[in-house]
Amino acid sequence: QLQLVESGGGLVQPGGSLRLACTASEGTLTDHGIGWFRQGPGKERDWVSCMSGRGTRGSTRYTESVQGRFTSSRDGAENTVYLQLSSLQPEDTGVYFCAARSPPATAFCSVYADRYDYWGQGTQVTVSS
């Protein structure tokens, strides 16, 4: 069974940046749909970004509050996906989770957590001065 391992969280000052990584335990994530979610203190888990699997119908989407500040990408070997966080603000604080949808996922880019098949353990991001 695919396992996702996250890394890259930490403490950063407002305006700072972090890069989160989500690595597959086996194989690649090339054809998987990828989602990023976050859960702030005392809040529900919210959708942040999604990226469809490889294909001509591929797309990447972001929630409005992170548009222009966060960027989702894949590495060349395709077993790791990244979420680059920039211009971080205190309201970005939370546990960030990556999730994957099994292929075929060329047109998959969902905001709904229950549409994903695999989840990482989460990585804490704290934005504070």
Foldseek 3Di string as FASTA:
>chain_A
DKAWAKDWADEAAQQAKIKMKIFIPDDAQQQKKKWKWWAAVPGDIFTAKIWWHDDPLIDIDGDPVCVPAWDWAADPRRRMIMIIGGSDDQVVWGWMKMFIADPNTRNPIDRDPVRTDYMYPTDTHGYHD
